[in-house]
Protein backbone atom coordinates (compact mmCIF):
# COMPACT_ATOMS: atom_id res chain seq x y z
CA MET A 1 98.48 -152.26 75.36
CA ASN A 2 96.59 -150.19 77.56
CA ARG A 3 92.62 -150.74 77.25
CA VAL A 4 90.74 -147.49 76.94
CA TYR A 5 87.19 -148.06 77.51
CA VAL A 6 84.94 -146.55 75.47
CA CYS A 7 81.58 -147.98 76.65
CA SER A 8 81.05 -148.65 80.62
CA CYS A 9 77.68 -149.99 80.75
CA PHE A 10 79.00 -152.85 77.96
CA GLY A 11 82.93 -152.29 78.78
CA VAL A 12 84.01 -152.09 74.84
CA THR A 13 87.35 -150.99 74.24
CA ASP A 14 88.18 -148.60 71.86
CA GLN A 15 90.46 -151.15 69.94
CA GLN A 16 86.64 -153.08 69.97
CA VAL A 17 85.20 -149.93 68.66
CA LYS A 18 87.96 -149.64 65.61
CA GLU A 19 87.97 -153.44 65.10
CA HIS A 20 84.85 -153.17 63.89
CA ALA A 21 84.64 -149.97 61.82
CA ALA A 22 87.95 -151.87 60.17
CA ALA A 23 85.35 -154.99 59.59
CA GLY A 24 82.53 -152.74 57.62
CA ALA A 25 80.82 -150.89 60.77
CA CYS A 26 80.32 -147.18 59.53
CA THR A 27 77.92 -146.09 62.47
CA PRO A 28 77.19 -145.22 65.70
CA ARG A 29 74.46 -148.07 65.15
CA GLN A 30 76.86 -150.98 63.59
CA ILE A 31 79.04 -150.83 66.52
CA ALA A 32 76.19 -150.89 68.55
CA SER A 33 74.57 -154.54 67.13
CA VAL A 34 78.18 -156.07 67.07
CA THR A 35 79.06 -154.21 71.12
CA LYS A 36 75.56 -153.59 72.59
CA ALA A 37 77.84 -150.31 73.76
CA GLY A 38 75.71 -146.92 73.34
CA THR A 39 72.46 -148.72 73.98
CA ASP A 40 72.27 -148.51 77.90
CA CYS A 41 73.28 -144.78 78.85
CA GLY A 42 74.07 -143.32 75.87
CA SER A 43 77.25 -141.94 76.42
CA CYS A 44 79.81 -142.83 74.35
CA VAL A 45 77.60 -142.92 71.67
CA ARG A 46 79.65 -139.31 70.57
CA THR A 47 82.94 -140.84 71.12
CA ILE A 48 82.37 -143.77 68.70
CA GLN A 49 81.57 -141.39 66.51
CA GLY A 50 84.90 -139.36 66.91
CA LEU A 51 86.14 -143.18 66.36
CA LEU A 52 85.16 -143.84 63.47
CA GLY A 53 85.44 -140.78 61.56
CA ARG A 54 84.06 -138.76 58.83
CA GLY A 55 86.29 -140.74 56.16
CA ALA A 56 85.25 -143.31 53.59
CA CYS A 57 83.00 -146.57 54.77
CA PRO A 58 84.44 -149.13 53.92
CA ARG A 59 81.24 -151.09 53.05
CA ARG A 60 79.43 -148.60 51.35
CA GLU A 61 82.24 -148.09 49.05
CA LEU A 62 81.81 -151.74 48.41
CA LEU A 63 78.44 -151.77 47.84
CA GLU A 64 78.69 -148.37 45.15
CA THR A 65 80.85 -150.64 43.21
CA GLY A 66 78.60 -153.95 43.75
CA ARG A 67 80.68 -156.47 45.76
CA THR A 68 79.32 -157.45 49.31
CA ALA A 69 80.89 -156.75 52.30
CA SER A 70 80.98 -158.90 54.82
CA VAL A 71 77.84 -159.35 57.98
CA LEU A 72 79.42 -158.44 60.87
CA ALA A 73 79.07 -161.33 63.42
CA PRO A 74 77.83 -159.92 67.63
CA ALA A 75 81.65 -160.72 70.01
CA PRO A 76 81.22 -164.21 70.76
CA GLU A 77 80.32 -163.51 74.56
CA LEU A 78 77.39 -161.38 73.25
CA ALA A 79 76.06 -164.74 71.43
CA GLU A 80 76.63 -166.50 74.46
CA ALA A 81 74.51 -164.18 75.88
CA ALA A 82 71.40 -164.34 74.02
């Protein structure tokens, strides 16, 4: 599996962004809260926006139907650094 780094500052890959999006992260800010991507130089924010796309947001759909989405947790390596 080829790693395509989206955020060079924090070593975040496109696959990580897609996994967090599948877990309910709908915005670059939500991706940043779990990976730190986009919080240093900011050059990756547009790429993250592109990966997230403009499609339906699973979390938003859950909220609209009255169901709750799972809480996003920071990546384990970030939790250890805190």
